[in-house]
N, C-alpha and C. Protein backbone atom coordinates (compact mmCIF):
# COMPACT_ATOMS: atom_id res chain seq x y z
N UNK A 1 -35.74 94.21 209.18
CA UNK A 1 -35.98 96.19 208.29
C UNK A 1 -36.71 97.09 208.54
N UNK A 2 -36.02 98.05 208.34
CA UNK A 2 -36.65 99.81 209.30
C UNK A 2 -38.29 99.82 208.89
N UNK A 3 -38.96 99.54 209.45
CA UNK A 3 -39.95 101.19 208.05
C UNK A 3 -39.73 102.28 207.82
N UNK A 4 -39.04 102.95 208.67
CA UNK A 4 -38.40 104.53 207.66
C UNK A 4 -37.65 103.88 206.52
N UNK A 5 -37.06 102.79 206.19
CA UNK A 5 -36.84 102.37 204.71
C UNK A 5 -36.32 103.63 203.76
N UNK A 6 -37.95 103.69 203.25
CA UNK A 6 -38.34 104.37 201.92
C UNK A 6 -38.83 106.03 202.77
N UNK A 7 -39.00 106.38 203.82
CA UNK A 7 -39.39 107.31 204.24
C UNK A 7 -38.38 108.47 204.97
N UNK A 8 -38.63 109.46 205.39
CA UNK A 8 -37.67 109.79 206.45
C UNK A 8 -39.14 110.53 207.32
N UNK A 9 -39.95 109.93 207.87
CA UNK A 9 -41.44 109.80 208.52
C UNK A 9 -41.58 108.88 209.06
N UNK A 10 -41.90 108.76 210.52
CA UNK A 10 -42.98 107.79 211.07
C UNK A 10 -44.44 107.85 210.72
N UNK A 11 -44.72 106.88 210.77
CA UNK A 11 -46.65 106.70 210.61
C UNK A 11 -46.92 108.22 211.71
N UNK A 12 -46.74 108.07 212.65
CA UNK A 12 -46.80 109.08 213.65
C UNK A 12 -46.72 110.21 213.64
N UNK A 13 -45.52 110.58 212.66
CA UNK A 13 -45.02 111.65 212.60
C UNK A 13 -45.65 112.46 211.27
N UNK A 14 -45.72 111.56 210.42
CA UNK A 14 -46.96 111.82 209.29
C UNK A 14 -48.56 111.89 209.64
N UNK A 15 -48.76 111.36 210.52
CA UNK A 15 -49.92 111.52 211.04
C UNK A 15 -50.64 112.93 211.97
N UNK A 16 -49.41 113.45 212.51
CA UNK A 16 -49.51 114.40 212.97
C UNK A 16 -48.86 115.61 212.04
N UNK A 17 -48.19 115.24 211.27
CA UNK A 17 -47.96 116.63 210.43
C UNK A 17 -49.39 116.56 209.41
N UNK A 18 -49.96 115.92 208.78
CA UNK A 18 -51.28 115.42 208.08
C UNK A 18 -52.60 116.39 209.07
N UNK A 19 -52.67 116.38 210.51
CA UNK A 19 -53.50 117.01 211.66
C UNK A 19 -52.77 118.07 211.20
N UNK A 20 -51.64 118.57 211.41
CA UNK A 20 -51.84 120.08 210.93
C UNK A 20 -52.14 121.25 210.04
N UNK A 21 -51.41 120.45 208.72
CA UNK A 21 -52.47 120.81 207.80
C UNK A 21 -53.27 120.47 207.34
N UNK A 22 -54.42 120.14 207.73
CA UNK A 22 -55.95 119.94 208.02
C UNK A 22 -56.20 121.15 208.45
N UNK A 23 -55.95 121.23 209.97
CA UNK A 23 -56.01 122.32 210.76
C UNK A 23 -55.73 124.13 209.66
N UNK A 24 -54.63 123.95 208.75
CA UNK A 24 -55.31 125.47 208.51
C UNK A 24 -55.91 125.75 207.39
N UNK A 25 -57.24 124.92 207.09
CA UNK A 25 -58.21 125.04 206.34
C UNK A 25 -59.54 124.70 206.75
N UNK A 26 -60.02 125.99 206.46
CA UNK A 26 -61.02 125.97 207.75
C UNK A 26 -62.23 125.05 207.12
N UNK A 27 -62.11 124.61 205.48
CA UNK A 27 -63.43 123.57 204.72
C UNK A 27 -62.75 122.28 205.32
N UNK A 28 -62.26 121.82 206.15
CA UNK A 28 -61.90 120.75 206.69
C UNK A 28 -63.02 121.14 208.49
N UNK A 29 -63.53 120.01 208.36
CA UNK A 29 -64.84 120.24 209.39
C UNK A 29 -63.85 118.70 210.84
N UNK A 30 -63.83 117.67 209.99
CA UNK A 30 -63.41 116.90 210.71
C UNK A 30 -62.08 115.53 210.61
N UNK A 31 -60.98 115.73 211.10
CA UNK A 31 -59.92 114.52 211.08
C UNK A 31 -60.17 113.56 211.55
N UNK A 32 -59.93 111.97 211.28
CA UNK A 32 -60.45 110.39 211.78
C UNK A 32 -59.45 110.01 210.79
N UNK A 33 -58.52 109.39 211.62
CA UNK A 33 -57.26 107.69 211.63
C UNK A 33 -58.89 107.10 210.96
N UNK A 34 -58.34 106.01 209.43
CA UNK A 34 -59.92 105.19 208.85
C UNK A 34 -58.69 103.46 209.70
N UNK A 35 -57.57 103.83 209.19
CA UNK A 35 -56.37 102.49 209.44
C UNK A 35 -54.91 103.29 209.17
N UNK A 36 -54.22 102.41 210.65
CA UNK A 36 -53.22 102.77 211.05
C UNK A 36 -52.82 101.05 211.47
N UNK A 37 -51.34 101.72 210.79
CA UNK A 37 -50.35 100.55 211.62
C UNK A 37 -48.98 101.06 211.58
N UNK A 38 -47.81 99.72 211.49
CA UNK A 38 -46.74 100.51 211.65
C UNK A 38 -45.94 101.11 210.69
N UNK A 39 -46.79 100.37 209.38
CA UNK A 39 -45.62 100.64 207.80
C UNK A 39 -46.58 101.32 207.27
N UNK A 40 -47.80 101.66 207.44
CA UNK A 40 -49.70 102.37 206.77
C UNK A 40 -50.14 103.66 207.28
N UNK A 41 -51.01 104.22 207.31
CA UNK A 41 -51.66 105.15 207.71
C UNK A 41 -52.75 105.42 206.35
N UNK A 42 -54.45 105.58 206.84
CA UNK A 42 -54.85 106.15 206.33
C UNK A 42 -55.80 107.26 206.88
N UNK A 43 -55.99 108.04 206.16
CA UNK A 43 -56.83 108.92 206.96
C UNK A 43 -57.60 110.09 206.31
N UNK A 44 -58.75 110.11 206.80
CA UNK A 44 -60.18 111.29 206.06
C UNK A 44 -60.16 112.52 206.87
N UNK A 45 -60.23 113.35 205.93
CA UNK A 45 -60.56 114.73 206.44
C UNK A 45 -61.62 114.99 205.96
N UNK A 46 -62.51 115.43 206.54
CA UNK A 46 -64.65 114.98 205.92
C UNK A 46 -64.83 117.25 205.59
N UNK A 47 -65.17 117.22 204.44
CA UNK A 47 -65.43 118.92 204.34
C UNK A 47 -66.86 118.89 204.53
N UNK A 48 -67.87 117.75 204.28
CA UNK A 48 -68.71 117.51 204.52
C UNK A 48 -69.32 115.94 205.04
N UNK A 49 -70.81 115.62 204.61
CA UNK A 49 -70.52 114.60 205.33
C UNK A 49 -70.22 113.52 204.22
N UNK A 50 -71.08 113.32 202.96
CA UNK A 50 -70.09 112.65 201.77
C UNK A 50 -69.08 113.62 201.31
N UNK A 51 -68.42 114.40 201.93
CA UNK A 51 -67.39 114.78 200.67
C UNK A 51 -65.87 114.87 201.30
N UNK A 52 -64.64 114.16 201.53
CA UNK A 52 -63.61 114.22 202.23
C UNK A 52 -62.19 113.68 201.44
N UNK A 53 -61.56 114.46 201.78
CA UNK A 53 -60.12 114.41 201.53
C UNK A 53 -59.56 112.77 202.33
N UNK A 54 -59.18 111.76 201.19
CA UNK A 54 -58.44 110.54 201.57
C UNK A 54 -56.73 110.54 201.64
N UNK A 55 -56.69 110.21 202.90
CA UNK A 55 -54.61 110.51 202.54
C UNK A 55 -54.50 109.26 203.16
N UNK A 56 -53.08 108.30 202.13
CA UNK A 56 -53.04 107.30 202.08
C UNK A 56 -51.12 107.00 201.69
N UNK A 57 -50.81 106.78 203.40
CA UNK A 57 -49.21 106.70 203.44
C UNK A 57 -48.69 105.45 204.07
N UNK A 58 -47.88 104.83 202.60
CA UNK A 58 -46.46 104.05 203.15
C UNK A 58 -45.49 104.60 203.67
N UNK A 59 -45.29 104.23 204.69
CA UNK A 59 -44.00 104.28 205.05
C UNK A 59 -42.70 103.23 204.57
N UNK A 60 -42.82 102.09 204.49
CA UNK A 60 -42.18 101.49 203.61
C UNK A 60 -42.51 101.19 201.83
N UNK A 61 -43.12 101.39 201.94
CA UNK A 61 -43.03 101.57 200.06
C UNK A 61 -42.30 103.15 199.66
N UNK A 62 -43.08 103.80 200.14
CA UNK A 62 -43.03 105.53 200.17
C UNK A 62 -44.09 106.27 199.13
N UNK A 63 -45.36 105.12 199.25
CA UNK A 63 -46.46 105.12 198.23
C UNK A 63 -46.99 106.50 199.71
N UNK A 64 -47.51 107.52 198.30
CA UNK A 64 -48.41 108.20 199.34
C UNK A 64 -49.91 108.88 198.06
N UNK A 65 -50.82 109.12 198.44
CA UNK A 65 -52.13 108.95 197.95
C UNK A 65 -52.90 109.51 198.12
N UNK A 66 -53.49 110.42 197.90
CA UNK A 66 -53.66 111.94 198.30
C UNK A 66 -55.11 112.19 197.36
N UNK A 67 -56.47 111.85 197.54
CA UNK A 67 -57.64 111.34 196.66
C UNK A 67 -59.15 112.37 197.28
N UNK A 68 -59.46 114.16 196.71
CA UNK A 68 -60.83 114.04 196.92
C UNK A 68 -61.73 113.00 196.70
N UNK A 69 -62.47 113.20 197.68
CA UNK A 69 -63.64 112.00 197.26
C UNK A 69 -65.69 112.70 197.32
N UNK A 70 -66.30 111.82 196.36
CA UNK A 70 -67.68 112.47 196.97
C UNK A 70 -68.42 110.99 196.94
N UNK A 71 -68.59 110.88 198.36
CA UNK A 71 -69.55 109.64 198.05
C UNK A 71 -68.24 108.44 198.53
N UNK A 72 -68.50 107.50 196.43
CA UNK A 72 -67.93 106.40 196.86
C UNK A 72 -66.76 106.78 195.76
N UNK A 73 -66.87 107.82 195.33
CA UNK A 73 -65.98 107.98 193.92
C UNK A 73 -65.54 109.49 194.09
N UNK A 74 -63.58 108.95 193.09
CA UNK A 74 -62.78 109.94 193.06
C UNK A 74 -62.91 111.44 192.37
N UNK A 75 -62.79 112.33 192.82
CA UNK A 75 -63.24 113.27 192.16
C UNK A 75 -61.94 113.92 191.21
N UNK A 76 -61.03 113.60 192.75
CA UNK A 76 -59.41 114.17 192.10
C UNK A 76 -58.68 113.75 192.89
N UNK A 77 -57.50 113.68 192.26
CA UNK A 77 -56.73 112.96 192.50
C UNK A 77 -54.89 112.71 192.70
N UNK A 78 -54.10 112.94 193.01
CA UNK A 78 -52.56 113.10 193.44
C UNK A 78 -51.80 111.48 194.30
N UNK A 79 -50.69 110.99 193.65
CA UNK A 79 -50.48 109.62 193.70
C UNK A 79 -48.79 109.82 194.04
N UNK A 80 -48.21 109.40 194.58
CA UNK A 80 -46.77 108.53 194.38
C UNK A 80 -46.76 107.57 194.91
N UNK A 81 -46.33 106.77 193.85
CA UNK A 81 -45.75 105.14 193.71
C UNK A 81 -44.37 104.85 193.03
N UNK A 82 -43.71 104.00 193.32
CA UNK A 82 -42.46 104.10 193.10
C UNK A 82 -41.44 105.52 192.91
N UNK A 83 -41.90 106.34 193.92
CA UNK A 83 -41.41 107.62 193.09
C UNK A 83 -41.41 108.43 192.55
N UNK A 84 -42.60 108.28 191.62
CA UNK A 84 -42.98 108.74 190.73
C UNK A 84 -44.54 109.32 191.23
N UNK A 85 -44.77 110.17 190.80
CA UNK A 85 -46.25 111.30 190.98
C UNK A 85 -46.70 111.48 189.51
N UNK A 86 -48.36 111.17 189.61
CA UNK A 86 -48.65 111.06 188.47
C UNK A 86 -50.71 112.08 188.84
N UNK A 87 -50.66 112.96 188.53
CA UNK A 87 -52.16 113.32 188.87
C UNK A 87 -53.12 112.60 188.26
N UNK A 88 -54.63 112.63 188.82
CA UNK A 88 -55.63 111.93 188.23
C UNK A 88 -56.65 113.54 188.40
N UNK A 89 -56.78 113.57 187.50
CA UNK A 89 -58.04 115.09 186.90
C UNK A 89 -59.05 114.97 187.43
N UNK A 90 -59.04 116.59 187.86
CA UNK A 90 -60.53 116.66 188.03
C UNK A 90 -60.87 116.99 186.67
N UNK A 91 -62.63 115.90 186.56
CA UNK A 91 -62.79 115.95 185.41
C UNK A 91 -63.06 114.71 184.31
N UNK A 92 -61.47 113.78 185.04
CA UNK A 92 -61.44 112.83 184.47
C UNK A 92 -60.66 112.13 185.75
N UNK A 93 -61.19 111.48 186.53
CA UNK A 93 -60.16 110.91 188.06
C UNK A 93 -59.84 109.74 187.47
N UNK A 94 -60.48 109.63 186.05
CA UNK A 94 -59.47 107.34 186.32
C UNK A 94 -58.49 107.50 185.66
N UNK A 95 -58.28 108.76 184.96
CA UNK A 95 -57.73 109.32 183.61
C UNK A 95 -55.76 109.45 185.03
N UNK A 96 -54.77 109.53 184.03
CA UNK A 96 -53.54 109.28 184.41
C UNK A 96 -52.49 111.09 184.02
N UNK A 97 -52.94 111.93 184.34
CA UNK A 97 -51.63 112.90 184.02
C UNK A 97 -50.20 112.59 184.35
N UNK A 98 -49.46 112.82 182.94
CA UNK A 98 -47.88 112.71 183.81
C UNK A 98 -47.26 113.60 182.77
N UNK A 99 -47.90 115.21 183.12
CA UNK A 99 -47.28 116.00 182.05
C UNK A 99 -46.55 117.24 183.30
N UNK A 100 -45.98 117.88 183.17
CA UNK A 100 -44.94 118.66 184.02
C UNK A 100 -45.63 119.41 185.19
N UNK A 101 -47.06 119.37 185.11
CA UNK A 101 -47.46 119.73 186.62
C UNK A 101 -48.20 118.88 187.14
N UNK A 102 -48.50 117.77 186.33
CA UNK A 102 -49.31 116.19 186.61
C UNK A 102 -48.14 115.50 187.80
N UNK A 103 -46.96 115.71 187.14
CA UNK A 103 -45.76 115.07 187.79
C UNK A 103 -44.88 115.92 189.39
N UNK A 104 -45.47 116.67 189.82
CA UNK A 104 -45.24 117.63 190.65
C UNK A 104 -45.44 116.88 192.43
N UNK A 105 -44.37 116.64 192.62
CA UNK A 105 -44.78 116.22 194.34
C UNK A 105 -45.17 117.11 194.60
N UNK A 106 -46.00 117.01 195.26
CA UNK A 106 -46.81 117.77 196.73
C UNK A 106 -46.89 117.03 197.91
N UNK A 107 -47.62 118.34 198.75
CA UNK A 107 -47.32 117.82 200.38
C UNK A 107 -49.33 118.03 200.71
N UNK A 108 -49.38 117.30 201.62
CA UNK A 108 -50.76 117.60 201.90
C UNK A 108 -51.35 118.87 202.19
N UNK A 109 -50.60 119.92 202.51
CA UNK A 109 -50.70 121.35 202.52
C UNK A 109 -51.58 121.28 201.17
N UNK A 110 -50.29 121.53 199.93
CA UNK A 110 -50.56 121.78 198.73
C UNK A 110 -51.93 120.94 198.01
N UNK A 111 -51.89 119.85 198.79
CA UNK A 111 -53.63 118.79 197.93
C UNK A 111 -54.71 119.79 198.01
N UNK A 112 -54.33 119.64 199.18
CA UNK A 112 -55.82 120.61 200.45
C UNK A 112 -56.43 122.28 199.55
N UNK A 113 -54.82 123.13 199.43
CA UNK A 113 -54.95 123.99 198.24
C UNK A 113 -56.07 123.95 196.96
N UNK A 114 -54.91 122.82 196.60
CA UNK A 114 -56.00 122.09 194.88
C UNK A 114 -57.15 121.54 195.32
N UNK A 115 -57.74 120.97 196.24
CA UNK A 115 -59.14 120.81 196.92
C UNK A 115 -59.68 122.10 196.57
N UNK A 116 -59.20 122.99 197.16
CA UNK A 116 -59.96 124.36 197.64
C UNK A 116 -60.27 124.56 196.29
N UNK A 117 -59.57 125.23 195.89
CA UNK A 117 -60.06 125.58 194.10
C UNK A 117 -61.00 124.92 193.82
N UNK A 118 -60.98 123.44 193.70
CA UNK A 118 -61.73 122.80 192.79
C UNK A 118 -63.98 123.16 193.45
N UNK A 119 -62.95 122.53 194.93
CA UNK A 119 -64.81 122.46 195.49
C UNK A 119 -65.07 124.15 195.61
N UNK A 120 -64.08 124.58 195.66
CA UNK A 120 -64.89 126.32 195.23
C UNK A 120 -65.50 126.34 193.84
N UNK A 121 -65.37 126.27 192.88
CA UNK A 121 -65.08 126.29 191.49
C UNK A 121 -66.75 125.64 191.41
N UNK A 122 -66.55 124.05 192.06
CA UNK A 122 -67.62 123.14 191.58
C UNK A 122 -68.58 123.69 192.58
N UNK A 123 -68.55 124.08 193.51
CA UNK A 123 -69.37 124.90 194.96
C UNK A 123 -70.07 123.74 195.53
N UNK A 124 -69.06 122.44 195.81
CA UNK A 124 -69.34 121.53 196.32
C UNK A 124 -69.54 121.42 197.35
N UNK A 125 -69.46 123.06 198.58
CA UNK A 125 -69.31 123.45 199.61
C UNK A 125 -70.87 123.59 199.74
């Protein structure tokens, strides 16, 4: 079975595109690969010592999880599971937003734009 079954990109291609997206945002200080296998990738884009964006991609299942994390707590997120997107709103990160806006697919760069708005409004940086 091919690791590209549900994704048009390989893990290496995802890693490169995430690094390119992160490079466009000056608030991203450091990018690390936290875990990598032939089918899955977890990266952390650090905005500060305890504040980071975690990106998880599974090319076999098509799962994409993007989360803004402070310490060990998710502040905001967007997930694609089984081809369906939803949002974990800022202020209610345990909630699931299935509104028309909440179910819109987003790229890593679009998520980082949303994160920029949140960290500026909340003065997290």
